[in-house]
Amino acid sequence: MGYIVKAIKNRIRFFIKARGLAKRSHIKLRSHRASLKASYGKYVSVGRHSVIADDVVIGDHSYINEGSTVENAVIGKYCSISSGVRINPGEHHLDRITTYPVEHLFGLPEVNFNKKVIIENDVLISINAIIRGGSIYP
């Protein structure tokens, strides 16, 4: 029962903060999984069930449709990102003996080796695309 109450409180806090962003910069965050620590430009829209990580920057007048995931990326102005898009998803170390993340077995912090994705201004990314780390879209 305590978990349900905590989850409801977290959602209410999110929507109160998101509403404050909407009033100041006309930002529409329709997903409770969009980080409030990410940087959003004016008139940005994030669809339901989308995940936006803390290390994301989204430029003015850009939108991300439903069910997309964005991590470690800079998205320019006037970008259109369709549904189901994955930007900088986690990858495996292919240069090791095993692709298994062995760091946690030894109590070490997991290393994020994905390079930042840069999507410049006025770019369209269509449905279910996967953009790997280090990509640049002019």
Protein backbone atom coordinates (compact mmCIF):
# COMPACT_ATOMS: atom_id res chain seq x y z
CA MET A 1 0.00 0.00 0.00
CA GLY A 2 2.88 2.37 0.81
CA TYR A 3 4.29 1.91 -2.70
CA ILE A 4 1.02 3.01 -4.32
CA VAL A 5 0.81 6.14 -2.18
CA LYS A 6 4.45 7.00 -2.96
CA ALA A 7 3.87 6.49 -6.71
CA ILE A 8 0.80 8.74 -6.63
CA LYS A 9 2.70 11.45 -4.74
CA ASN A 10 5.57 11.29 -7.27
CA ARG A 11 3.18 11.64 -10.20
CA ILE A 12 1.45 14.61 -8.59
CA ARG A 13 4.84 16.30 -7.98
CA PHE A 14 5.83 15.65 -11.60
CA PHE A 15 2.66 17.15 -13.02
CA ILE A 16 2.90 20.22 -10.76
CA LYS A 17 6.48 20.86 -11.93
CA ALA A 18 5.60 20.10 -15.56
CA ARG A 19 2.70 22.53 -15.35
CA GLY A 20 5.08 25.24 -14.15
CA LEU A 21 7.31 24.56 -17.17
CA ALA A 22 4.30 24.70 -19.48
CA LYS A 23 3.26 28.12 -18.19
CA ARG A 24 6.75 29.62 -18.51
CA SER A 25 7.91 28.17 -21.84
CA HIS A 26 4.83 26.50 -23.36
CA ILE A 27 6.36 23.04 -22.89
CA LYS A 28 4.03 20.04 -23.09
CA LEU A 29 5.35 17.03 -21.18
CA ARG A 30 2.72 14.32 -21.52
CA SER A 31 4.96 11.60 -20.13
CA HIS A 32 5.77 11.24 -16.45
CA ARG A 33 9.02 9.57 -17.57
CA ALA A 34 10.36 12.78 -19.12
CA SER A 35 13.08 14.12 -16.82
CA LEU A 36 12.53 17.53 -15.32
CA LYS A 37 16.34 17.85 -15.17
CA ALA A 38 16.66 17.73 -18.97
CA SER A 39 16.89 21.04 -20.83
CA TYR A 40 13.80 21.95 -22.86
CA GLY A 41 13.50 24.87 -25.29
CA LYS A 42 10.31 26.84 -25.86
CA TYR A 43 7.27 25.12 -27.38
CA VAL A 44 8.70 21.60 -26.95
CA SER A 45 6.28 18.67 -26.86
CA VAL A 46 6.98 15.18 -25.46
CA GLY A 47 4.39 12.47 -26.10
CA ARG A 48 2.96 9.93 -23.68
CA HIS A 49 5.12 6.99 -22.58
CA SER A 50 8.31 8.65 -23.86
CA VAL A 51 11.48 8.51 -21.77
CA ILE A 52 13.74 11.56 -21.67
CA ALA A 53 16.95 11.19 -19.63
CA ASP A 54 18.55 13.89 -17.47
CA ASP A 55 21.41 14.47 -19.95
CA VAL A 56 19.19 15.50 -22.90
CA VAL A 57 18.89 18.96 -24.47
CA ILE A 58 15.91 19.65 -26.75
CA GLY A 59 15.75 22.85 -28.83
CA ASP A 60 12.81 25.19 -29.44
CA HIS A 61 9.74 23.97 -31.37
CA SER A 62 10.87 20.32 -31.44
CA TYR A 63 8.64 17.40 -30.57
CA ILE A 64 9.02 13.76 -29.61
CA ASN A 65 6.06 11.51 -30.25
CA GLU A 66 4.73 8.70 -28.07
CA GLY A 67 6.84 5.81 -26.85
CA SER A 68 10.28 7.15 -27.79
CA THR A 69 13.43 7.03 -25.66
CA VAL A 70 16.17 9.68 -25.70
CA GLU A 71 19.42 9.45 -23.72
CA ASN A 72 22.68 11.44 -23.87
CA ALA A 73 21.64 13.61 -26.83
CA VAL A 74 21.38 17.17 -28.09
CA ILE A 75 18.37 17.78 -30.33
CA GLY A 76 18.22 21.01 -32.32
CA LYS A 77 15.34 23.35 -33.10
CA TYR A 78 12.32 22.36 -35.22
CA CYS A 79 13.08 18.62 -35.05
CA SER A 80 10.33 16.04 -35.51
CA ILE A 81 10.89 12.70 -33.82
CA SER A 82 8.28 10.04 -34.51
CA SER A 83 6.89 7.26 -32.30
CA GLY A 84 9.01 4.36 -31.10
CA VAL A 85 12.36 6.04 -31.82
CA ARG A 86 15.37 5.03 -29.69
CA ILE A 87 18.14 7.61 -29.49
CA ASN A 88 21.38 6.37 -27.92
CA PRO A 89 20.11 3.12 -26.40
CA GLY A 90 22.48 1.12 -24.22
CA GLU A 91 25.07 -0.93 -26.04
CA HIS A 92 27.30 -3.85 -25.11
CA HIS A 93 31.09 -3.83 -24.87
CA LEU A 94 32.09 -5.77 -27.98
CA ASP A 95 35.81 -5.41 -27.31
CA ARG A 96 35.76 -7.65 -24.21
CA ILE A 97 35.77 -11.38 -23.70
CA THR A 98 32.12 -11.14 -22.60
CA THR A 99 29.37 -8.66 -23.41
CA TYR A 100 27.98 -9.12 -19.90
CA PRO A 101 28.35 -5.97 -17.73
CA VAL A 102 30.81 -7.41 -15.20
CA GLU A 103 31.36 -4.13 -13.32
CA HIS A 104 28.58 -4.81 -10.82
CA LEU A 105 30.04 -8.21 -9.93
CA PHE A 106 33.04 -6.43 -8.42
CA GLY A 107 31.09 -3.55 -6.87
CA LEU A 108 32.33 -1.08 -9.49
CA PRO A 109 30.07 1.61 -10.96
CA GLU A 110 28.74 0.81 -14.41
CA VAL A 111 30.50 2.81 -17.10
CA ASN A 112 28.38 4.53 -19.73
CA PHE A 113 30.56 4.45 -22.82
CA ASN A 114 27.91 5.72 -25.25
CA LYS A 115 28.98 8.86 -27.08
CA LYS A 116 26.60 11.81 -27.30
CA VAL A 117 24.19 11.94 -30.25
CA ILE A 118 23.88 15.32 -31.96
CA ILE A 119 20.79 16.04 -34.04
CA GLU A 120 21.03 19.48 -35.61
CA ASN A 121 18.15 21.80 -36.57
CA ASP A 122 15.14 20.82 -38.71
CA VAL A 123 15.63 17.03 -38.79
CA LEU A 124 12.88 14.42 -39.24
CA ILE A 125 13.40 10.99 -37.67
CA SER A 126 10.70 8.51 -38.65
CA ILE A 127 8.94 5.74 -36.77
CA ASN A 128 10.91 3.04 -34.92
CA ALA A 129 14.35 4.38 -35.92
CA ILE A 130 17.35 3.52 -33.77
CA ILE A 131 20.08 6.16 -33.52
CA ARG A 132 23.34 4.83 -32.08
CA GLY A 133 25.78 6.73 -29.90
CA GLY A 134 28.20 9.11 -31.60
CA SER A 135 25.87 9.83 -34.52
CA ILE A 136 25.58 13.35 -35.93
CA TYR A 137 22.60 14.34 -38.07
CA PRO A 138 23.09 17.68 -39.86
